[in-house]
Amino acid sequence: VLRDAGFDNIEFRDDSKIFLGYINTFLNKLTRSRKQIEQQYSKELFTGMRRNHEELIEKINRKEKFAVRIAARKKA
């Protein structure tokens, strides 16, 4: 699809370690905002968001999921 759109020098890079840092930062901020989220939305929303991100961390650590960055350049 990228080639058909005029891109070349297409690279796929595993950025899972960088993404894990993002997820951990997000979880820390989420935890600090727990009361507000539960009051404004629901306990279920907070619990679900936390659980989903913790599961993602586990899957990335087990190499079941990857965070991939695609880099490409538009042909001149």
N, C-alpha and C. Protein backbone atom coordinates (compact mmCIF):
# COMPACT_ATOMS: atom_id res chain seq x y z
N VAL A 1 0.83 -1.18 0.00
CA VAL A 1 0.00 0.00 0.00
C VAL A 1 0.88 1.25 0.00
N LEU A 2 1.93 1.24 0.82
CA LEU A 2 2.81 2.42 0.87
C LEU A 2 3.52 2.63 -0.47
N ARG A 3 3.98 1.57 -1.07
CA ARG A 3 4.64 1.70 -2.39
C ARG A 3 3.66 2.25 -3.43
N ASP A 4 2.43 1.74 -3.41
CA ASP A 4 1.41 2.21 -4.35
C ASP A 4 1.07 3.68 -4.12
N ALA A 5 1.29 4.16 -2.90
CA ALA A 5 1.02 5.56 -2.58
C ALA A 5 2.23 6.45 -2.86
N GLY A 6 3.30 5.86 -3.41
CA GLY A 6 4.46 6.65 -3.81
C GLY A 6 5.59 6.71 -2.79
N PHE A 7 5.60 5.79 -1.83
CA PHE A 7 6.67 5.78 -0.83
C PHE A 7 7.71 4.72 -1.18
N ASP A 8 8.94 4.98 -0.76
CA ASP A 8 10.00 3.98 -0.85
C ASP A 8 10.84 4.06 0.41
N ASN A 9 11.95 3.34 0.45
CA ASN A 9 12.79 3.27 1.66
C ASN A 9 11.93 2.96 2.88
N ILE A 10 11.09 1.97 2.75
CA ILE A 10 10.15 1.61 3.81
C ILE A 10 10.88 0.73 4.84
N GLU A 11 10.81 1.14 6.09
CA GLU A 11 11.44 0.39 7.18
C GLU A 11 10.43 0.12 8.27
N PHE A 12 10.48 -1.07 8.83
CA PHE A 12 9.65 -1.44 9.97
C PHE A 12 10.58 -1.59 11.16
N ARG A 13 10.30 -0.86 12.24
CA ARG A 13 11.17 -0.87 13.41
C ARG A 13 10.38 -1.25 14.65
N ASP A 14 10.93 -2.16 15.43
CA ASP A 14 10.30 -2.58 16.68
C ASP A 14 10.59 -1.53 17.74
N ASP A 15 9.58 -0.75 18.11
CA ASP A 15 9.70 0.27 19.14
C ASP A 15 9.01 -0.15 20.44
N SER A 16 8.96 -1.45 20.68
CA SER A 16 8.25 -1.97 21.85
C SER A 16 8.81 -1.42 23.16
N LYS A 17 10.13 -1.34 23.29
CA LYS A 17 10.72 -0.83 24.54
C LYS A 17 10.33 0.63 24.77
N ILE A 18 10.35 1.42 23.71
CA ILE A 18 9.93 2.82 23.82
C ILE A 18 8.46 2.90 24.20
N PHE A 19 7.64 2.07 23.58
CA PHE A 19 6.21 2.06 23.84
C PHE A 19 5.91 1.62 25.27
N LEU A 20 6.71 0.67 25.80
CA LEU A 20 6.52 0.25 27.19
C LEU A 20 6.72 1.43 28.14
N GLY A 21 7.67 2.29 27.85
CA GLY A 21 7.88 3.48 28.65
C GLY A 21 6.65 4.38 28.62
N TYR A 22 6.08 4.53 27.43
CA TYR A 22 4.85 5.32 27.29
C TYR A 22 3.72 4.71 28.12
N ILE A 23 3.54 3.40 28.02
CA ILE A 23 2.45 2.74 28.73
C ILE A 23 2.62 2.90 30.24
N ASN A 24 3.83 2.73 30.73
CA ASN A 24 4.07 2.87 32.17
C ASN A 24 3.80 4.29 32.65
N THR A 25 4.20 5.28 31.86
CA THR A 25 3.91 6.68 32.20
C THR A 25 2.40 6.90 32.21
N PHE A 26 1.72 6.37 31.21
CA PHE A 26 0.26 6.49 31.15
C PHE A 26 -0.40 5.86 32.37
N LEU A 27 0.05 4.65 32.75
CA LEU A 27 -0.54 3.98 33.90
C LEU A 27 -0.31 4.77 35.19
N ASN A 28 0.85 5.38 35.33
CA ASN A 28 1.11 6.21 36.51
C ASN A 28 0.15 7.40 36.56
N LYS A 29 -0.03 8.07 35.42
CA LYS A 29 -0.96 9.21 35.36
C LYS A 29 -2.40 8.74 35.58
N LEU A 30 -2.74 7.60 35.01
CA LEU A 30 -4.08 7.05 35.17
C LEU A 30 -4.36 6.77 36.65
N THR A 31 -3.39 6.17 37.33
CA THR A 31 -3.55 5.84 38.74
C THR A 31 -3.71 7.11 39.58
N ARG A 32 -2.94 8.14 39.27
CA ARG A 32 -3.06 9.40 40.01
C ARG A 32 -4.44 10.05 39.80
N SER A 33 -5.07 9.75 38.67
CA SER A 33 -6.38 10.34 38.34
C SER A 33 -7.54 9.41 38.65
N ARG A 34 -7.26 8.35 39.36
CA ARG A 34 -8.27 7.31 39.60
C ARG A 34 -9.58 7.87 40.16
N LYS A 35 -9.50 8.63 41.25
CA LYS A 35 -10.72 9.15 41.88
C LYS A 35 -11.54 9.97 40.91
N GLN A 36 -10.88 10.85 40.20
CA GLN A 36 -11.57 11.72 39.24
C GLN A 36 -12.23 10.90 38.14
N ILE A 37 -11.53 9.92 37.61
CA ILE A 37 -12.09 9.08 36.53
C ILE A 37 -13.28 8.30 37.04
N GLU A 38 -13.13 7.70 38.23
CA GLU A 38 -14.24 6.92 38.79
C GLU A 38 -15.46 7.78 39.08
N GLN A 39 -15.24 9.00 39.57
CA GLN A 39 -16.36 9.89 39.87
C GLN A 39 -17.02 10.43 38.60
N GLN A 40 -16.19 10.83 37.64
CA GLN A 40 -16.72 11.44 36.42
C GLN A 40 -17.30 10.41 35.46
N TYR A 41 -16.70 9.22 35.43
CA TYR A 41 -17.14 8.18 34.48
C TYR A 41 -17.65 6.96 35.25
N SER A 42 -16.74 6.07 35.62
CA SER A 42 -17.16 4.90 36.40
C SER A 42 -15.92 4.12 36.85
N LYS A 43 -16.13 3.32 37.89
CA LYS A 43 -15.05 2.44 38.36
C LYS A 43 -14.71 1.42 37.27
N GLU A 44 -15.72 0.97 36.56
CA GLU A 44 -15.52 -0.03 35.51
C GLU A 44 -14.62 0.50 34.40
N LEU A 45 -14.80 1.77 34.05
CA LEU A 45 -13.95 2.35 33.01
C LEU A 45 -12.50 2.39 33.47
N PHE A 46 -12.28 2.86 34.69
CA PHE A 46 -10.92 2.91 35.21
C PHE A 46 -10.31 1.52 35.25
N THR A 47 -11.05 0.57 35.82
CA THR A 47 -10.55 -0.80 35.95
C THR A 47 -10.24 -1.41 34.58
N GLY A 48 -11.12 -1.20 33.63
CA GLY A 48 -10.91 -1.74 32.29
C GLY A 48 -9.70 -1.14 31.60
N MET A 49 -9.54 0.17 31.72
CA MET A 49 -8.37 0.82 31.10
C MET A 49 -7.08 0.30 31.72
N ARG A 50 -7.06 0.22 33.04
CA ARG A 50 -5.86 -0.26 33.73
C ARG A 50 -5.56 -1.70 33.33
N ARG A 51 -6.57 -2.56 33.36
CA ARG A 51 -6.38 -3.98 33.03
C ARG A 51 -5.90 -4.15 31.59
N ASN A 52 -6.51 -3.42 30.65
CA ASN A 52 -6.12 -3.54 29.24
C ASN A 52 -4.66 -3.14 29.03
N HIS A 53 -4.23 -2.08 29.69
CA HIS A 53 -2.84 -1.65 29.52
C HIS A 53 -1.86 -2.59 30.22
N GLU A 54 -2.25 -3.14 31.36
CA GLU A 54 -1.40 -4.13 32.02
C GLU A 54 -1.26 -5.38 31.18
N GLU A 55 -2.35 -5.81 30.55
CA GLU A 55 -2.31 -6.97 29.66
C GLU A 55 -1.42 -6.69 28.45
N LEU A 56 -1.48 -5.48 27.93
CA LEU A 56 -0.63 -5.11 26.80
C LEU A 56 0.84 -5.19 27.18
N ILE A 57 1.18 -4.70 28.37
CA ILE A 57 2.56 -4.79 28.85
C ILE A 57 3.01 -6.25 28.90
N GLU A 58 2.16 -7.11 29.48
CA GLU A 58 2.49 -8.53 29.57
C GLU A 58 2.71 -9.15 28.20
N LYS A 59 1.84 -8.84 27.24
CA LYS A 59 1.96 -9.41 25.90
C LYS A 59 3.20 -8.92 25.18
N ILE A 60 3.55 -7.66 25.37
CA ILE A 60 4.77 -7.14 24.75
C ILE A 60 5.98 -7.82 25.39
N ASN A 61 5.98 -7.98 26.70
CA ASN A 61 7.10 -8.63 27.38
C ASN A 61 7.24 -10.10 26.99
N ARG A 62 6.13 -10.76 26.66
CA ARG A 62 6.17 -12.16 26.21
C ARG A 62 6.38 -12.27 24.70
N LYS A 63 6.57 -11.13 24.04
CA LYS A 63 6.78 -11.07 22.58
C LYS A 63 5.55 -11.56 21.81
N GLU A 64 4.38 -11.42 22.41
CA GLU A 64 3.13 -11.76 21.72
C GLU A 64 2.59 -10.58 20.93
N LYS A 65 3.00 -9.38 21.32
CA LYS A 65 2.61 -8.15 20.62
C LYS A 65 3.85 -7.29 20.47
N PHE A 66 3.81 -6.43 19.46
CA PHE A 66 4.92 -5.53 19.18
C PHE A 66 4.37 -4.14 18.88
N ALA A 67 5.15 -3.14 19.23
CA ALA A 67 4.84 -1.78 18.82
C ALA A 67 5.77 -1.47 17.66
N VAL A 68 5.23 -1.36 16.48
CA VAL A 68 6.05 -1.21 15.28
C VAL A 68 5.89 0.21 14.73
N ARG A 69 7.04 0.80 14.41
CA ARG A 69 7.04 2.11 13.75
C ARG A 69 7.40 1.88 12.28
N ILE A 70 6.63 2.48 11.42
CA ILE A 70 6.90 2.38 9.99
C ILE A 70 7.45 3.72 9.54
N ALA A 71 8.63 3.67 8.93
CA ALA A 71 9.25 4.88 8.38
C ALA A 71 9.35 4.70 6.88
N ALA A 72 8.97 5.74 6.14
CA ALA A 72 9.02 5.68 4.69
C ALA A 72 9.23 7.09 4.14
N ARG A 73 9.75 7.15 2.94
CA ARG A 73 9.96 8.45 2.28
C ARG A 73 9.15 8.50 1.01
N LYS A 74 8.60 9.66 0.77
CA LYS A 74 7.82 9.88 -0.46
C LYS A 74 8.80 10.02 -1.62
N LYS A 75 8.55 9.30 -2.69
CA LYS A 75 9.41 9.40 -3.86
C LYS A 75 9.36 10.81 -4.43
N ALA A 76 10.50 11.27 -4.90
CA ALA A 76 10.59 12.63 -5.45
C ALA A 76 9.88 12.73 -6.80
